[in-house]
Amino acid sequence: MNILFNQNSYSELLVEFQPKVIATEEEYDRTLETVEKLMVCKNRTPEQTAILQLLVTLIEEFEKKHYPIEPSSPHAILKHLMEARGIKQSDLVGIIGSKGVVSEVVNGNRAISKAQAKALGEFFHVSPALFI
């Protein structure tokens, strides 16, 4: 099935929504509302989908600039995974070392070695790169 893209319909949507780079919180909020309305549309047309993708891109750019996410440290990632999965330090004994080593690693007093990162990656089923 080949779905045709209607340029006239798309042009009408561009006039209706008037997408532009988001500069203020008010514009951001309005754009979010528009995206939410388009997302719940059950019979969204290809033209509406194109507008939706454009608006989402504009929102992402605004968020990247105004709400940057700082990269997490390997220790913060380890602590988060442990908390999210209900894992205690004692559960890591034997996986990355002795009780003392595990305590030092979890508390950030010791760097996570490559071997420990690999073991943690296997244990948590994530990329070892998260811990390096």
C-alpha atoms as a PDB file:
ATOM      1  CA  MET A   1       0.000   0.000   0.000  1.00  0.00           C
ATOM      2  CA  ASN A   2       1.489   3.309  -1.086  1.00  0.00           C
ATOM      3  CA  ILE A   3       0.349   6.331   0.939  1.00  0.00           C
ATOM      4  CA  LEU A   4       0.628   9.613  -0.904  1.00  0.00           C
ATOM      5  CA  PHE A   5       1.821  12.778   0.787  1.00  0.00           C
ATOM      6  CA  ASN A   6      -0.504  15.679   0.035  1.00  0.00           C
ATOM      7  CA  GLN A   7       1.520  18.894  -0.251  1.00  0.00           C
ATOM      8  CA  ASN A   8      -1.579  21.088  -0.108  1.00  0.00           C
ATOM      9  CA  SER A   9      -2.772  19.466   3.104  1.00  0.00           C
ATOM     10  CA  TYR A  10       0.724  19.807   4.569  1.00  0.00           C
ATOM     11  CA  SER A  11       0.825  23.482   3.582  1.00  0.00           C
ATOM     12  CA  GLU A  12      -2.495  24.046   5.355  1.00  0.00           C
ATOM     13  CA  LEU A  13      -1.114  22.391   8.497  1.00  0.00           C
ATOM     14  CA  LEU A  14       1.994  24.569   8.334  1.00  0.00           C
ATOM     15  CA  VAL A  15      -0.232  27.648   8.222  1.00  0.00           C
ATOM     16  CA  GLU A  16      -2.382  26.320  11.081  1.00  0.00           C
ATOM     17  CA  PHE A  17       0.479  25.386  13.418  1.00  0.00           C
ATOM     18  CA  GLN A  18       3.121  27.855  12.225  1.00  0.00           C
ATOM     19  CA  PRO A  19       6.068  25.851  13.574  1.00  0.00           C
ATOM     20  CA  LYS A  20       9.173  27.814  14.484  1.00  0.00           C
ATOM     21  CA  VAL A  21      12.145  27.573  16.803  1.00  0.00           C
ATOM     22  CA  ILE A  22      10.835  27.590  20.382  1.00  0.00           C
ATOM     23  CA  ALA A  23      12.194  30.574  22.322  1.00  0.00           C
ATOM     24  CA  THR A  24      10.032  30.837  25.456  1.00  0.00           C
ATOM     25  CA  GLU A  25       8.425  28.582  28.043  1.00  0.00           C
ATOM     26  CA  GLU A  26       4.993  29.676  26.795  1.00  0.00           C
ATOM     27  CA  GLU A  27       5.846  28.585  23.252  1.00  0.00           C
ATOM     28  CA  TYR A  28       7.250  25.356  24.648  1.00  0.00           C
ATOM     29  CA  ASP A  29       4.027  24.652  26.578  1.00  0.00           C
ATOM     30  CA  ARG A  30       1.856  25.430  23.548  1.00  0.00           C
ATOM     31  CA  THR A  31       3.952  23.184  21.345  1.00  0.00           C
ATOM     32  CA  LEU A  32       3.732  20.361  23.889  1.00  0.00           C
ATOM     33  CA  GLU A  33      -0.066  20.691  23.922  1.00  0.00           C
ATOM     34  CA  THR A  34      -0.167  20.530  20.128  1.00  0.00           C
ATOM     35  CA  VAL A  35       2.049  17.443  20.101  1.00  0.00           C
ATOM     36  CA  GLU A  36      -0.172  15.756  22.679  1.00  0.00           C
ATOM     37  CA  LYS A  37      -3.253  16.430  20.539  1.00  0.00           C
ATOM     38  CA  LEU A  38      -1.544  15.033  17.454  1.00  0.00           C
ATOM     39  CA  MET A  39      -0.296  11.985  19.370  1.00  0.00           C
ATOM     40  CA  VAL A  40      -3.805  10.927  20.432  1.00  0.00           C
ATOM     41  CA  CYS A  41      -5.213  11.372  16.938  1.00  0.00           C
ATOM     42  CA  LYS A  42      -6.187   7.828  15.925  1.00  0.00           C
ATOM     43  CA  ASN A  43      -6.375   8.387  12.161  1.00  0.00           C
ATOM     44  CA  ARG A  44      -3.381  10.683  11.797  1.00  0.00           C
ATOM     45  CA  THR A  45      -2.572  11.535   8.203  1.00  0.00           C
ATOM     46  CA  PRO A  46       0.960  11.395   6.786  1.00  0.00           C
ATOM     47  CA  GLU A  47       0.917  15.201   6.722  1.00  0.00           C
ATOM     48  CA  GLN A  48      -0.049  15.372  10.410  1.00  0.00           C
ATOM     49  CA  THR A  49       2.696  12.876  11.193  1.00  0.00           C
ATOM     50  CA  ALA A  50       5.218  15.088   9.380  1.00  0.00           C
ATOM     51  CA  ILE A  51       4.098  18.128  11.420  1.00  0.00           C
ATOM     52  CA  LEU A  52       4.256  16.027  14.594  1.00  0.00           C
ATOM     53  CA  GLN A  53       7.848  14.996  13.825  1.00  0.00           C
ATOM     54  CA  LEU A  54       8.799  18.601  13.131  1.00  0.00           C
ATOM     55  CA  LEU A  55       7.257  19.817  16.396  1.00  0.00           C
ATOM     56  CA  VAL A  56       8.939  17.041  18.393  1.00  0.00           C
ATOM     57  CA  THR A  57      12.292  18.041  16.879  1.00  0.00           C
ATOM     58  CA  LEU A  58      11.692  21.658  17.913  1.00  0.00           C
ATOM     59  CA  ILE A  59      10.770  20.543  21.443  1.00  0.00           C
ATOM     60  CA  GLU A  60      13.885  18.372  21.703  1.00  0.00           C
ATOM     61  CA  GLU A  61      16.101  21.271  20.655  1.00  0.00           C
ATOM     62  CA  PHE A  62      14.505  23.566  23.233  1.00  0.00           C
ATOM     63  CA  GLU A  63      14.901  20.941  25.967  1.00  0.00           C
ATOM     64  CA  LYS A  64      18.507  20.234  25.012  1.00  0.00           C
ATOM     65  CA  LYS A  65      19.293  23.928  25.369  1.00  0.00           C
ATOM     66  CA  HIS A  66      17.193  24.762  28.451  1.00  0.00           C
ATOM     67  CA  TYR A  67      17.125  21.457  30.350  1.00  0.00           C
ATOM     68  CA  PRO A  68      20.488  19.802  29.702  1.00  0.00           C
ATOM     69  CA  ILE A  69      21.047  16.429  31.284  1.00  0.00           C
ATOM     70  CA  GLU A  70      24.456  16.077  32.832  1.00  0.00           C
ATOM     71  CA  PRO A  71      26.152  12.739  32.243  1.00  0.00           C
ATOM     72  CA  SER A  72      26.067  10.445  35.251  1.00  0.00           C
ATOM     73  CA  SER A  73      29.178   9.085  36.865  1.00  0.00           C
ATOM     74  CA  PRO A  74      29.777   5.325  36.776  1.00  0.00           C
ATOM     75  CA  HIS A  75      29.154   5.197  40.532  1.00  0.00           C
ATOM     76  CA  ALA A  76      25.849   7.075  40.196  1.00  0.00           C
ATOM     77  CA  ILE A  77      24.749   4.656  37.469  1.00  0.00           C
ATOM     78  CA  LEU A  78      25.704   1.695  39.649  1.00  0.00           C
ATOM     79  CA  LYS A  79      23.780   3.103  42.615  1.00  0.00           C
ATOM     80  CA  HIS A  80      20.742   3.810  40.440  1.00  0.00           C
ATOM     81  CA  LEU A  81      20.718   0.283  38.993  1.00  0.00           C
ATOM     82  CA  MET A  82      21.091  -1.193  42.456  1.00  0.00           C
ATOM     83  CA  GLU A  83      18.223   0.889  43.829  1.00  0.00           C
ATOM     84  CA  ALA A  84      15.965   0.280  40.826  1.00  0.00           C
ATOM     85  CA  ARG A  85      16.452  -3.479  41.069  1.00  0.00           C
ATOM     86  CA  GLY A  86      16.489  -3.764  44.859  1.00  0.00           C
ATOM     87  CA  ILE A  87      20.080  -4.983  44.964  1.00  0.00           C
ATOM     88  CA  LYS A  88      22.218  -4.595  48.077  1.00  0.00           C
ATOM     89  CA  GLN A  89      25.989  -4.256  48.254  1.00  0.00           C
ATOM     90  CA  SER A  90      26.182  -7.791  49.584  1.00  0.00           C
ATOM     91  CA  ASP A  91      24.628  -9.033  46.325  1.00  0.00           C
ATOM     92  CA  LEU A  92      27.701  -7.767  44.449  1.00  0.00           C
ATOM     93  CA  VAL A  93      30.234  -9.588  46.643  1.00  0.00           C
ATOM     94  CA  GLY A  94      31.952 -12.168  44.472  1.00  0.00           C
ATOM     95  CA  ILE A  95      30.843 -10.399  41.293  1.00  0.00           C
ATOM     96  CA  ILE A  96      33.191  -7.416  41.550  1.00  0.00           C
ATOM     97  CA  GLY A  97      35.251  -8.331  44.600  1.00  0.00           C
ATOM     98  CA  SER A  98      35.255  -8.742  48.342  1.00  0.00           C
ATOM     99  CA  LYS A  99      32.896  -6.985  50.746  1.00  0.00           C
ATOM    100  CA  GLY A 100      35.449  -4.196  51.258  1.00  0.00           C
ATOM    101  CA  VAL A 101      36.059  -3.711  47.538  1.00  0.00           C
ATOM    102  CA  VAL A 102      32.316  -3.635  46.817  1.00  0.00           C
ATOM    103  CA  SER A 103      31.819  -1.028  49.543  1.00  0.00           C
ATOM    104  CA  GLU A 104      34.600   1.166  48.157  1.00  0.00           C
ATOM    105  CA  VAL A 105      33.279   0.861  44.581  1.00  0.00           C
ATOM    106  CA  VAL A 106      29.647   1.546  45.489  1.00  0.00           C
ATOM    107  CA  ASN A 107      30.571   4.526  47.674  1.00  0.00           C
ATOM    108  CA  GLY A 108      32.808   6.030  45.012  1.00  0.00           C
ATOM    109  CA  ASN A 109      36.029   5.596  46.942  1.00  0.00           C
ATOM    110  CA  ARG A 110      37.458   3.273  44.300  1.00  0.00           C
ATOM    111  CA  ALA A 111      37.215   3.511  40.526  1.00  0.00           C
ATOM    112  CA  ILE A 112      35.446   0.713  38.685  1.00  0.00           C
ATOM    113  CA  SER A 113      38.022  -1.349  36.802  1.00  0.00           C
ATOM    114  CA  LYS A 114      37.451  -2.665  33.271  1.00  0.00           C
ATOM    115  CA  ALA A 115      37.024  -6.195  34.625  1.00  0.00           C
ATOM    116  CA  GLN A 116      34.506  -4.977  37.205  1.00  0.00           C
ATOM    117  CA  ALA A 117      32.677  -2.967  34.519  1.00  0.00           C
ATOM    118  CA  LYS A 118      32.395  -6.103  32.378  1.00  0.00           C
ATOM    119  CA  ALA A 119      31.113  -8.125  35.346  1.00  0.00           C
ATOM    120  CA  LEU A 120      28.606  -5.400  36.271  1.00  0.00           C
ATOM    121  CA  GLY A 121      27.449  -5.179  32.654  1.00  0.00           C
ATOM    122  CA  GLU A 122      26.777  -8.918  32.594  1.00  0.00           C
ATOM    123  CA  PHE A 123      25.102  -8.845  36.006  1.00  0.00           C
ATOM    124  CA  PHE A 124      22.778  -5.930  35.167  1.00  0.00           C
ATOM    125  CA  HIS A 125      22.396  -6.862  31.464  1.00  0.00           C
ATOM    126  CA  VAL A 126      23.662  -3.454  30.317  1.00  0.00           C
ATOM    127  CA  SER A 127      26.691  -2.215  28.425  1.00  0.00           C
ATOM    128  CA  PRO A 128      29.900  -2.284  30.484  1.00  0.00           C
ATOM    129  CA  ALA A 129      30.642   1.160  29.013  1.00  0.00           C
ATOM    130  CA  LEU A 130      28.175   2.633  31.530  1.00  0.00           C
ATOM    131  CA  PHE A 131      30.618   1.856  34.307  1.00  0.00           C
ATOM    132  CA  ILE A 132      33.785   3.234  32.696  1.00  0.00           C
END
